Each structure stands twice: as C-alpha cells, then as structure tokens.
C-alpha atoms as a PDB file:
ATOM      1  CA  MET A   1      -0.006  -0.002  -0.005  1.00  0.00           C
ATOM      2  CA  SER A   2       1.492   3.317  -1.039  1.00  0.00           C
ATOM      3  CA  LEU A   3       1.138   6.731   0.556  1.00  0.00           C
ATOM      4  CA  VAL A   4      -0.902   7.805  -2.473  1.00  0.00           C
ATOM      5  CA  ALA A   5      -3.338   4.933  -1.927  1.00  0.00           C
ATOM      6  CA  ALA A   6      -3.551   5.728   1.787  1.00  0.00           C
ATOM      7  CA  ALA A   7      -4.364   9.337   0.960  1.00  0.00           C
ATOM      8  CA  PHE A   8      -7.025   8.520  -1.632  1.00  0.00           C
ATOM      9  CA  ALA A   9      -8.806   5.743   0.292  1.00  0.00           C
ATOM     10  CA  PRO A  10     -10.714   8.168   2.568  1.00  0.00           C
ATOM     11  CA  VAL A  11     -11.591  10.393  -0.383  1.00  0.00           C
ATOM     12  CA  PHE A  12     -12.972   7.427  -2.296  1.00  0.00           C
ATOM     13  CA  ARG A  13     -14.928   6.444   0.788  1.00  0.00           C
ATOM     14  CA  TYR A  14     -16.770   9.796   0.557  1.00  0.00           C
ATOM     15  CA  PHE A  15     -17.612   9.065  -3.066  1.00  0.00           C
ATOM     16  CA  ASP A  16     -18.994   5.688  -2.033  1.00  0.00           C
ATOM     17  CA  ALA A  17     -21.210   7.326   0.593  1.00  0.00           C
ATOM     18  CA  PHE A  18     -22.371  10.248  -1.602  1.00  0.00           C
ATOM     19  CA  GLY A  19     -21.813   8.993  -5.148  1.00  0.00           C
ATOM     20  CA  HIS A  20     -25.487   9.338  -6.023  1.00  0.00           C
ATOM     21  CA  LEU A  21     -25.359  13.136  -5.777  1.00  0.00           C
ATOM     22  CA  ASP A  22     -25.391  15.005  -9.077  1.00  0.00           C
ATOM     23  CA  GLY A  23     -21.908  15.886 -10.219  1.00  0.00           C
ATOM     24  CA  LEU A  24     -20.158  13.142  -8.268  1.00  0.00           C
ATOM     25  CA  ALA A  25     -20.557  10.382 -10.832  1.00  0.00           C
ATOM     26  CA  PHE A  26     -17.676  11.667 -12.960  1.00  0.00           C
ATOM     27  CA  LEU A  27     -15.506   8.770 -11.763  1.00  0.00           C
ATOM     28  CA  ASP A  28     -17.756   6.438 -13.770  1.00  0.00           C
ATOM     29  CA  SER A  29     -16.241   7.844 -16.957  1.00  0.00           C
ATOM     30  CA  MET A  30     -12.723   6.939 -15.792  1.00  0.00           C
ATOM     31  CA  PRO A  31     -12.521   3.142 -15.910  1.00  0.00           C
ATOM     32  CA  ARG A  32      -8.923   2.763 -14.734  1.00  0.00           C
ATOM     33  CA  LEU A  33      -9.533   5.064 -11.778  1.00  0.00           C
ATOM     34  CA  SER A  34     -12.754   3.212 -10.984  1.00  0.00           C
ATOM     35  CA  GLN A  35     -10.899  -0.111 -11.051  1.00  0.00           C
ATOM     36  CA  TRP A  36      -8.203   1.234  -8.724  1.00  0.00           C
ATOM     37  CA  ARG A  37     -10.881   2.652  -6.440  1.00  0.00           C
ATOM     38  CA  ALA A  38     -12.668  -0.723  -6.277  1.00  0.00           C
ATOM     39  CA  ALA A  39      -9.405  -2.610  -5.644  1.00  0.00           C
ATOM     40  CA  LEU A  40      -8.398  -0.156  -2.961  1.00  0.00           C
ATOM     41  CA  ARG A  41     -11.798  -0.452  -1.267  1.00  0.00           C
ATOM     42  CA  GLU A  42     -11.284  -4.234  -0.956  1.00  0.00           C
ATOM     43  CA  ARG A  43      -7.872  -4.052   0.728  1.00  0.00           C
ATOM     44  CA  PRO A  44      -8.058  -5.396   4.300  1.00  0.00           C
ATOM     45  CA  ALA A  45      -6.401  -2.294   5.768  1.00  0.00           C
ATOM     46  CA  VAL A  46      -8.888   0.018   4.024  1.00  0.00           C
ATOM     47  CA  ARG A  47     -11.866  -2.118   5.028  1.00  0.00           C
ATOM     48  CA  ALA A  48     -10.717  -2.270   8.639  1.00  0.00           C
ATOM     49  CA  ALA A  49     -10.155   1.494   8.878  1.00  0.00           C
ATOM     50  CA  VAL A  50     -13.832   2.201   9.490  1.00  0.00           C
ATOM     51  CA  SER A  51     -16.857   0.358  10.868  1.00  0.00           C
ATOM     52  CA  PRO A  52     -19.250  -1.347   8.445  1.00  0.00           C
ATOM     53  CA  ASN A  53     -21.883   1.314   9.184  1.00  0.00           C
ATOM     54  CA  TYR A  54     -19.530   4.169   8.265  1.00  0.00           C
ATOM     55  CA  PRO A  55     -21.699   5.499   5.397  1.00  0.00           C
ATOM     56  CA  ALA A  56     -24.702   5.856   7.722  1.00  0.00           C
ATOM     57  CA  LEU A  57     -22.581   7.467  10.433  1.00  0.00           C
ATOM     58  CA  LEU A  58     -21.075   9.888   7.914  1.00  0.00           C
ATOM     59  CA  ARG A  59     -24.494  10.890   6.569  1.00  0.00           C
ATOM     60  CA  ALA A  60     -25.842  11.412  10.125  1.00  0.00           C
ATOM     61  CA  PHE A  61     -22.818  13.533  11.014  1.00  0.00           C
ATOM     62  CA  LEU A  62     -23.198  15.590   7.856  1.00  0.00           C
ATOM     63  CA  LEU A  63     -26.914  16.131   8.317  1.00  0.00           C
ATOM     64  CA  ALA A  64     -26.320  17.462  11.835  1.00  0.00           C
ATOM     65  CA  LYS A  65     -24.030  20.209  10.469  1.00  0.00           C
ATOM     66  CA  ASP A  66     -26.442  22.212   8.260  1.00  0.00           C
ATOM     67  CA  SER A  67     -23.739  22.672   5.659  1.00  0.00           C
ATOM     68  CA  ALA A  68     -23.981  23.203   1.904  1.00  0.00           C
ATOM     69  CA  LEU A  69     -23.278  19.503   1.376  1.00  0.00           C
ATOM     70  CA  SER A  70     -25.873  18.447   3.931  1.00  0.00           C
ATOM     71  CA  ARG A  71     -28.517  20.608   2.226  1.00  0.00           C
ATOM     72  CA  ARG A  72     -27.532  19.164  -1.152  1.00  0.00           C
ATOM     73  CA  TYR A  73     -27.762  15.663   0.291  1.00  0.00           C
ATOM     74  CA  LEU A  74     -31.191  16.366   1.773  1.00  0.00           C
ATOM     75  CA  SER A  75     -32.462  17.781  -1.512  1.00  0.00           C
ATOM     76  CA  SER A  76     -31.221  14.660  -3.330  1.00  0.00           C
ATOM     77  CA  LEU A  77     -33.363  12.533  -1.015  1.00  0.00           C
ATOM     78  CA  SER A  78     -36.507  14.452  -1.892  1.00  0.00           C
ATOM     79  CA  VAL A  79     -35.920  14.500  -5.674  1.00  0.00           C
ATOM     80  CA  PRO A  80     -36.663  11.322  -7.616  1.00  0.00           C
ATOM     81  CA  SER A  81     -33.505   9.877  -9.172  1.00  0.00           C
ATOM     82  CA  LYS A  82     -33.014  10.253 -12.904  1.00  0.00           C
END
C-alpha cells in the first residue's frame, strides 16, 4: 500500500457514501480510476479502517451540520433519481 493509496482511500470512501449526488458520478467515466478505487476499497487495511456502518454514520454527522453538502444531500433525497 502506497502513501498515495492511503491518501485517496478516505476520499474514495466519501464518493462511495455520496456517489449518487449530481456531479459526483464523474468517476464512472474513468474506468482505470474506478478499477483502482474498487481494488483499494477491498484491501483489508482500508476495510478495517472504518466500521461497516460508516456511510450511515457519515451521513448522520453531515446532516447534523447544516452545511452546503448536507442541504444538497437532503435535496437529493426528496428528488426522484433520474
């Protein structure tokens, strides 16, 4: 595991939790990056870095902050997906 991978793993974790938001699906058009992201997500050290319920905990934390991202997330919940 490289330092670059260790730095990107948490960033990719955010994309996993909020990837459904408009504008965040751009990784889908980058197959090599998407493959690296998927491989990195499966590494034991990356999987063990957070609890299995991390996405739910992150969303709850974000929603409690009344930030621009939390408002965007809330609006995505009330708008039917495309």
